Amino acid sequence: DITCADDETGVVTVNPAGGVEPYSYTWSTGANTNQIVDLAPGTYTVTVSDALDCTTTCSVDITNPTGIVINDVMEQDPMCGLTDGSFTINATPQSNDPSGNLMYSIDGGQTFQTSNLFENLGADDYLIIVADANGCFVIESRQLVDAGAPTVMLNSSMCETGGTVALDISASGGTTPYTYSWTGPSGFTTTTEDVTGGPQGMYFVTVTDREGCQAIEQYT
């Protein structure tokens, strides 16, 4: 039979008995030996003749196993520029593999592990390979994406009439929408994007995106 699905590794050997030797062989492939190799899945017919020209014909089916199947890859994208992404690979062994043992790689086969869980992954392109002990394998490409953490830019700062402060910021990156939390002198707090009418002094702003990623900046 075939070792791996769709391979051409089948072998058929005929061992005749009876009649009068020597025997001759005529295969549907055109071969004339008692063994044919490197066969694809299919049906092969051989006619065996003895020295008296008596003949017999038989056919052999080379079956094609169902290959390894990647049923699902559960992805967890990393967040906030961290390496907290993961893959969980669910696969079915090849139909002619009684052990059912599979090995998993996400780096194109450079390293393999028996666990189907890969953790502590950053945003990148990954080449998943699931293989068995016979060298049969299947390949699938996957990508982990990270929007990153937000960043904050100070557009302007000015002293207003009456000695108060105005700070104008803008956030980008990460995943919108953003929330804002300001703290400043004399117990000043606000959750607006910008500061207006605040007392003079040092201000801290924390910008949080939808995924909980944060950027913290300080302005004087």
C-alpha atoms as a PDB file:
ATOM      1  CA  ASP A   1       0.000   0.000   0.000  1.00  0.00           C
ATOM      2  CA  ILE A   2       0.887   3.696  -0.179  1.00  0.00           C
ATOM      3  CA  THR A   3       2.900   5.095   2.732  1.00  0.00           C
ATOM      4  CA  CYS A   4       1.585   8.660   2.498  1.00  0.00           C
ATOM      5  CA  ALA A   5      -1.526   9.926   0.759  1.00  0.00           C
ATOM      6  CA  ASP A   6      -1.055  10.447  -3.010  1.00  0.00           C
ATOM      7  CA  ASP A   7       2.523   9.172  -2.909  1.00  0.00           C
ATOM      8  CA  GLU A   8       3.910   6.798  -5.528  1.00  0.00           C
ATOM      9  CA  THR A   9       5.422   4.303  -3.105  1.00  0.00           C
ATOM     10  CA  GLY A  10       3.255   1.235  -3.674  1.00  0.00           C
ATOM     11  CA  VAL A  11       4.843  -2.195  -4.255  1.00  0.00           C
ATOM     12  CA  VAL A  12       3.250  -5.359  -5.685  1.00  0.00           C
ATOM     13  CA  THR A  13       5.055  -8.709  -5.685  1.00  0.00           C
ATOM     14  CA  VAL A  14       3.749 -11.845  -7.402  1.00  0.00           C
ATOM     15  CA  ASN A  15       4.931 -15.270  -6.154  1.00  0.00           C
ATOM     16  CA  PRO A  16       3.415 -17.898  -8.484  1.00  0.00           C
ATOM     17  CA  ALA A  17       3.212 -21.609  -7.671  1.00  0.00           C
ATOM     18  CA  GLY A  18       2.397 -24.637  -9.759  1.00  0.00           C
ATOM     19  CA  GLY A  19       2.735 -25.053 -13.503  1.00  0.00           C
ATOM     20  CA  VAL A  20       6.135 -25.429 -15.038  1.00  0.00           C
ATOM     21  CA  GLU A  21       8.908 -22.951 -14.421  1.00  0.00           C
ATOM     22  CA  PRO A  22      10.219 -20.550 -15.560  1.00  0.00           C
ATOM     23  CA  TYR A  23       7.436 -18.021 -15.319  1.00  0.00           C
ATOM     24  CA  SER A  24       6.998 -14.849 -17.318  1.00  0.00           C
ATOM     25  CA  TYR A  25       5.067 -11.746 -16.277  1.00  0.00           C
ATOM     26  CA  THR A  26       3.099  -9.176 -18.189  1.00  0.00           C
ATOM     27  CA  TRP A  27       1.857  -6.214 -16.178  1.00  0.00           C
ATOM     28  CA  SER A  28      -0.658  -3.580 -17.150  1.00  0.00           C
ATOM     29  CA  THR A  29       2.174  -1.091 -16.641  1.00  0.00           C
ATOM     30  CA  GLY A  30       4.306  -2.830 -19.273  1.00  0.00           C
ATOM     31  CA  ALA A  31       6.708  -4.285 -16.707  1.00  0.00           C
ATOM     32  CA  ASN A  32       7.805  -7.936 -17.037  1.00  0.00           C
ATOM     33  CA  THR A  33       9.220  -8.754 -13.596  1.00  0.00           C
ATOM     34  CA  ASN A  34       7.530 -10.414 -10.647  1.00  0.00           C
ATOM     35  CA  GLN A  35       7.649  -7.149  -8.692  1.00  0.00           C
ATOM     36  CA  ILE A  36       6.648  -3.617  -9.613  1.00  0.00           C
ATOM     37  CA  VAL A  37       7.511  -0.602  -7.468  1.00  0.00           C
ATOM     38  CA  ASP A  38       6.925   3.145  -7.114  1.00  0.00           C
ATOM     39  CA  LEU A  39       3.223   2.727  -7.735  1.00  0.00           C
ATOM     40  CA  ALA A  40       0.535   5.362  -7.429  1.00  0.00           C
ATOM     41  CA  PRO A  41      -2.902   4.422  -6.085  1.00  0.00           C
ATOM     42  CA  GLY A  42      -4.867   2.369  -8.605  1.00  0.00           C
ATOM     43  CA  THR A  43      -5.528  -1.110  -9.977  1.00  0.00           C
ATOM     44  CA  TYR A  44      -2.721  -3.188 -11.457  1.00  0.00           C
ATOM     45  CA  THR A  45      -3.170  -6.367 -13.489  1.00  0.00           C
ATOM     46  CA  VAL A  46      -0.597  -9.077 -14.159  1.00  0.00           C
ATOM     47  CA  THR A  47      -0.686 -12.119 -16.394  1.00  0.00           C
ATOM     48  CA  VAL A  48       1.640 -14.939 -15.362  1.00  0.00           C
ATOM     49  CA  SER A  49       2.645 -17.555 -17.954  1.00  0.00           C
ATOM     50  CA  ASP A  50       4.575 -20.750 -17.351  1.00  0.00           C
ATOM     51  CA  ALA A  51       6.928 -22.684 -19.655  1.00  0.00           C
ATOM     52  CA  LEU A  52       3.967 -24.485 -21.255  1.00  0.00           C
ATOM     53  CA  ASP A  53       2.265 -21.152 -21.989  1.00  0.00           C
ATOM     54  CA  CYS A  54      -0.419 -21.776 -19.416  1.00  0.00           C
ATOM     55  CA  THR A  55      -1.588 -18.427 -18.010  1.00  0.00           C
ATOM     56  CA  THR A  56      -3.401 -16.896 -15.092  1.00  0.00           C
ATOM     57  CA  THR A  57      -4.380 -13.285 -14.529  1.00  0.00           C
ATOM     58  CA  CYS A  58      -5.017 -11.375 -11.343  1.00  0.00           C
ATOM     59  CA  SER A  59      -5.495  -7.746 -10.280  1.00  0.00           C
ATOM     60  CA  VAL A  60      -4.301  -5.883  -7.224  1.00  0.00           C
ATOM     61  CA  ASP A  61      -5.673  -2.631  -5.835  1.00  0.00           C
ATOM     62  CA  ILE A  62      -3.260  -0.112  -4.336  1.00  0.00           C
ATOM     63  CA  THR A  63      -5.369   1.972  -1.995  1.00  0.00           C
ATOM     64  CA  ASN A  64      -4.787   5.625  -1.237  1.00  0.00           C
ATOM     65  CA  PRO A  65      -4.995   6.418   2.485  1.00  0.00           C
ATOM     66  CA  THR A  66      -6.715   9.527   3.732  1.00  0.00           C
ATOM     67  CA  GLY A  67      -3.908  11.917   4.553  1.00  0.00           C
ATOM     68  CA  ILE A  68      -3.293  13.911   7.710  1.00  0.00           C
ATOM     69  CA  VAL A  69      -5.938  16.608   8.013  1.00  0.00           C
ATOM     70  CA  ILE A  70      -5.640  19.892   9.891  1.00  0.00           C
ATOM     71  CA  ASN A  71      -9.222  20.300  11.056  1.00  0.00           C
ATOM     72  CA  ASP A  72      -8.845  23.610  12.842  1.00  0.00           C
ATOM     73  CA  VAL A  73      -6.243  26.032  14.154  1.00  0.00           C
ATOM     74  CA  MET A  74      -7.421  28.097  17.108  1.00  0.00           C
ATOM     75  CA  GLU A  75      -5.574  31.403  17.122  1.00  0.00           C
ATOM     76  CA  GLN A  76      -5.070  33.904  19.908  1.00  0.00           C
ATOM     77  CA  ASP A  77      -3.505  37.088  18.581  1.00  0.00           C
ATOM     78  CA  PRO A  78      -0.932  38.815  20.788  1.00  0.00           C
ATOM     79  CA  MET A  79      -1.853  42.204  22.221  1.00  0.00           C
ATOM     80  CA  CYS A  80      -0.125  45.395  23.278  1.00  0.00           C
ATOM     81  CA  GLY A  81       3.114  44.501  21.504  1.00  0.00           C
ATOM     82  CA  LEU A  82       3.618  41.487  23.778  1.00  0.00           C
ATOM     83  CA  THR A  83       4.369  37.843  22.977  1.00  0.00           C
ATOM     84  CA  ASP A  84       1.196  36.372  24.431  1.00  0.00           C
ATOM     85  CA  GLY A  85      -0.261  34.861  21.263  1.00  0.00           C
ATOM     86  CA  SER A  86      -0.957  31.150  20.800  1.00  0.00           C
ATOM     87  CA  PHE A  87      -1.961  28.369  18.389  1.00  0.00           C
ATOM     88  CA  THR A  88      -3.907  25.221  19.199  1.00  0.00           C
ATOM     89  CA  ILE A  89      -3.750  22.823  16.250  1.00  0.00           C
ATOM     90  CA  ASN A  90      -6.449  20.153  15.908  1.00  0.00           C
ATOM     91  CA  ALA A  91      -5.497  17.475  13.373  1.00  0.00           C
ATOM     92  CA  THR A  92      -6.549  13.944  12.356  1.00  0.00           C
ATOM     93  CA  PRO A  93      -3.867  11.292  11.704  1.00  0.00           C
ATOM     94  CA  GLN A  94      -3.546   9.506   8.384  1.00  0.00           C
ATOM     95  CA  SER A  95      -6.020   6.633   7.987  1.00  0.00           C
ATOM     96  CA  ASN A  96      -3.300   3.944   7.757  1.00  0.00           C
ATOM     97  CA  ASP A  97      -1.412   5.101  10.868  1.00  0.00           C
ATOM     98  CA  PRO A  98      -2.551   2.899  13.776  1.00  0.00           C
ATOM     99  CA  SER A  99      -0.487   4.840  16.319  1.00  0.00           C
ATOM    100  CA  GLY A 100      -2.297   8.105  15.702  1.00  0.00           C
ATOM    101  CA  ASN A 101       0.755   9.991  16.994  1.00  0.00           C
ATOM    102  CA  LEU A 102       1.402  13.365  15.404  1.00  0.00           C
ATOM    103  CA  MET A 103       4.172  15.936  15.696  1.00  0.00           C
ATOM    104  CA  TYR A 104       3.675  19.677  15.307  1.00  0.00           C
ATOM    105  CA  SER A 105       5.836  22.533  14.050  1.00  0.00           C
ATOM    106  CA  ILE A 106       5.124  26.229  13.477  1.00  0.00           C
ATOM    107  CA  ASP A 107       8.539  27.193  12.107  1.00  0.00           C
ATOM    108  CA  GLY A 108       8.429  25.310   8.827  1.00  0.00           C
ATOM    109  CA  GLY A 109       9.746  22.063  10.283  1.00  0.00           C
ATOM    110  CA  GLN A 110      12.880  23.368  11.999  1.00  0.00           C
ATOM    111  CA  THR A 111      11.578  22.117  15.339  1.00  0.00           C
ATOM    112  CA  PHE A 112       8.767  19.731  16.254  1.00  0.00           C
ATOM    113  CA  GLN A 113       6.883  18.966  19.454  1.00  0.00           C
ATOM    114  CA  THR A 114       4.288  16.393  20.448  1.00  0.00           C
ATOM    115  CA  SER A 115       1.974  18.986  22.017  1.00  0.00           C
ATOM    116  CA  ASN A 116      -0.484  20.729  19.698  1.00  0.00           C
ATOM    117  CA  LEU A 117      -0.361  23.923  21.807  1.00  0.00           C
ATOM    118  CA  PHE A 118       2.106  26.728  21.047  1.00  0.00           C
ATOM    119  CA  GLU A 119       2.230  29.702  23.408  1.00  0.00           C
ATOM    120  CA  ASN A 120       4.187  32.930  23.987  1.00  0.00           C
ATOM    121  CA  LEU A 121       4.026  33.907  20.330  1.00  0.00           C
ATOM    122  CA  GLY A 122       4.456  37.352  18.851  1.00  0.00           C
ATOM    123  CA  ALA A 123       2.908  38.858  15.739  1.00  0.00           C
ATOM    124  CA  ASP A 124       4.421  37.077  12.731  1.00  0.00           C
ATOM    125  CA  ASP A 125       3.816  34.705   9.823  1.00  0.00           C
ATOM    126  CA  TYR A 126       3.922  31.024  10.789  1.00  0.00           C
ATOM    127  CA  LEU A 127       4.280  27.883   8.659  1.00  0.00           C
ATOM    128  CA  ILE A 128       2.485  25.035  10.412  1.00  0.00           C
ATOM    129  CA  ILE A 129       3.516  21.438   9.671  1.00  0.00           C
ATOM    130  CA  VAL A 130       1.791  18.391  11.129  1.00  0.00           C
ATOM    131  CA  ALA A 131       3.716  15.149  10.546  1.00  0.00           C
ATOM    132  CA  ASP A 132       3.735  11.502  11.594  1.00  0.00           C
ATOM    133  CA  ALA A 133       6.462   8.922  12.163  1.00  0.00           C
ATOM    134  CA  ASN A 134       6.256   7.750   8.539  1.00  0.00           C
ATOM    135  CA  GLY A 135       7.314  11.162   7.272  1.00  0.00           C
ATOM    136  CA  CYS A 136       3.850  12.034   6.009  1.00  0.00           C
ATOM    137  CA  PHE A 137       2.925  15.654   6.570  1.00  0.00           C
ATOM    138  CA  VAL A 138       0.583  18.515   5.769  1.00  0.00           C
ATOM    139  CA  ILE A 139       1.393  22.228   5.654  1.00  0.00           C
ATOM    140  CA  GLU A 140      -0.692  25.306   6.414  1.00  0.00           C
ATOM    141  CA  SER A 141       0.225  28.986   6.694  1.00  0.00           C
ATOM    142  CA  ARG A 142      -1.155  31.162   9.478  1.00  0.00           C
ATOM    143  CA  GLN A 143      -0.559  34.708  10.718  1.00  0.00           C
ATOM    144  CA  LEU A 144      -0.815  36.305  14.136  1.00  0.00           C
ATOM    145  CA  VAL A 145      -1.584  40.021  14.091  1.00  0.00           C
ATOM    146  CA  ASP A 146      -1.069  42.602  16.815  1.00  0.00           C
ATOM    147  CA  ALA A 147      -2.451  46.120  16.507  1.00  0.00           C
ATOM    148  CA  GLY A 148       0.112  47.153  19.126  1.00  0.00           C
ATOM    149  CA  ALA A 149      -0.303  49.561  21.997  1.00  0.00           C
ATOM    150  CA  PRO A 150      -1.541  53.127  21.476  1.00  0.00           C
ATOM    151  CA  THR A 151       0.839  56.059  21.304  1.00  0.00           C
ATOM    152  CA  VAL A 152       0.182  59.628  22.413  1.00  0.00           C
ATOM    153  CA  MET A 153       1.333  62.875  20.799  1.00  0.00           C
ATOM    154  CA  LEU A 154       1.208  66.309  22.380  1.00  0.00           C
ATOM    155  CA  ASN A 155      -0.152  68.675  19.758  1.00  0.00           C
ATOM    156  CA  SER A 156       0.026  71.865  21.839  1.00  0.00           C
ATOM    157  CA  SER A 157       0.279  73.207  25.364  1.00  0.00           C
ATOM    158  CA  MET A 158      -0.489  76.755  26.425  1.00  0.00           C
ATOM    159  CA  CYS A 159      -1.211  78.947  29.386  1.00  0.00           C
ATOM    160  CA  GLU A 160      -4.714  80.316  29.243  1.00  0.00           C
ATOM    161  CA  THR A 161      -5.977  83.605  30.534  1.00  0.00           C
ATOM    162  CA  GLY A 162      -6.069  83.447  34.312  1.00  0.00           C
ATOM    163  CA  GLY A 163      -3.016  81.205  34.571  1.00  0.00           C
ATOM    164  CA  THR A 164      -4.708  77.931  33.725  1.00  0.00           C
ATOM    165  CA  VAL A 165      -3.282  75.262  31.389  1.00  0.00           C
ATOM    166  CA  ALA A 166      -4.569  73.730  28.154  1.00  0.00           C
ATOM    167  CA  LEU A 167      -3.094  70.499  26.787  1.00  0.00           C
ATOM    168  CA  ASP A 168      -4.116  69.144  23.376  1.00  0.00           C
ATOM    169  CA  ILE A 169      -3.144  65.519  22.620  1.00  0.00           C
ATOM    170  CA  SER A 170      -3.960  62.906  19.996  1.00  0.00           C
ATOM    171  CA  ALA A 171      -3.731  59.118  20.227  1.00  0.00           C
ATOM    172  CA  SER A 172      -3.006  56.622  17.473  1.00  0.00           C
ATOM    173  CA  GLY A 173      -2.251  52.923  17.108  1.00  0.00           C
ATOM    174  CA  GLY A 174      -3.754  50.147  19.148  1.00  0.00           C
ATOM    175  CA  THR A 175      -7.461  49.500  18.694  1.00  0.00           C
ATOM    176  CA  THR A 176     -10.019  52.288  18.914  1.00  0.00           C
ATOM    177  CA  PRO A 177     -11.973  53.593  20.740  1.00  0.00           C
ATOM    178  CA  TYR A 178      -9.698  55.110  23.379  1.00  0.00           C
ATOM    179  CA  THR A 179     -10.433  56.214  26.920  1.00  0.00           C
ATOM    180  CA  TYR A 180      -8.473  58.929  28.731  1.00  0.00           C
ATOM    181  CA  SER A 181      -7.533  59.419  32.350  1.00  0.00           C
ATOM    182  CA  TRP A 182      -5.713  62.606  33.447  1.00  0.00           C
ATOM    183  CA  THR A 183      -4.251  63.480  36.821  1.00  0.00           C
ATOM    184  CA  GLY A 184      -2.662  66.789  37.647  1.00  0.00           C
ATOM    185  CA  PRO A 185      -1.830  69.344  40.346  1.00  0.00           C
ATOM    186  CA  SER A 186      -4.144  70.023  43.290  1.00  0.00           C
ATOM    187  CA  GLY A 187      -6.073  66.787  42.746  1.00  0.00           C
ATOM    188  CA  PHE A 188      -7.003  67.669  39.158  1.00  0.00           C
ATOM    189  CA  THR A 189      -8.606  64.788  37.200  1.00  0.00           C
ATOM    190  CA  THR A 190     -10.519  64.494  33.967  1.00  0.00           C
ATOM    191  CA  THR A 191     -11.490  61.783  31.481  1.00  0.00           C
ATOM    192  CA  THR A 192     -11.679  64.040  28.446  1.00  0.00           C
ATOM    193  CA  GLU A 193      -9.173  63.752  25.612  1.00  0.00           C
ATOM    194  CA  ASP A 194      -7.692  67.186  26.275  1.00  0.00           C
ATOM    195  CA  VAL A 195      -7.116  69.348  29.348  1.00  0.00           C
ATOM    196  CA  THR A 196      -8.599  72.828  29.551  1.00  0.00           C
ATOM    197  CA  GLY A 197      -8.666  75.115  32.545  1.00  0.00           C
ATOM    198  CA  GLY A 198      -6.287  73.051  34.646  1.00  0.00           C
ATOM    199  CA  PRO A 199      -3.884  74.479  37.231  1.00  0.00           C
ATOM    200  CA  GLN A 200      -0.250  74.863  36.263  1.00  0.00           C
ATOM    201  CA  GLY A 201       2.034  71.919  37.085  1.00  0.00           C
ATOM    202  CA  MET A 202       2.792  68.327  36.078  1.00  0.00           C
ATOM    203  CA  TYR A 203       0.157  66.188  34.325  1.00  0.00           C
ATOM    204  CA  PHE A 204      -0.044  62.468  33.634  1.00  0.00           C
ATOM    205  CA  VAL A 205      -2.358  60.938  31.038  1.00  0.00           C
ATOM    206  CA  THR A 206      -3.189  57.260  30.565  1.00  0.00           C
ATOM    207  CA  VAL A 207      -4.701  56.340  27.207  1.00  0.00           C
ATOM    208  CA  THR A 208      -6.354  52.921  27.093  1.00  0.00           C
ATOM    209  CA  ASP A 209      -7.549  51.260  23.889  1.00  0.00           C
ATOM    210  CA  ARG A 210     -10.375  48.775  23.386  1.00  0.00           C
ATOM    211  CA  GLU A 211      -8.115  45.783  24.132  1.00  0.00           C
ATOM    212  CA  GLY A 212      -6.843  47.283  27.386  1.00  0.00           C
ATOM    213  CA  CYS A 213      -3.441  48.285  25.988  1.00  0.00           C
ATOM    214  CA  GLN A 214      -2.143  51.497  27.525  1.00  0.00           C
ATOM    215  CA  ALA A 215       0.152  54.408  26.880  1.00  0.00           C
ATOM    216  CA  ILE A 216       1.207  56.728  29.728  1.00  0.00           C
ATOM    217  CA  GLU A 217       2.717  60.151  29.142  1.00  0.00           C
ATOM    218  CA  GLN A 218       3.841  63.038  31.370  1.00  0.00           C
ATOM    219  CA  TYR A 219       3.574  66.727  30.537  1.00  0.00           C
ATOM    220  CA  THR A 220       4.653  69.847  32.412  1.00  0.00           C
END
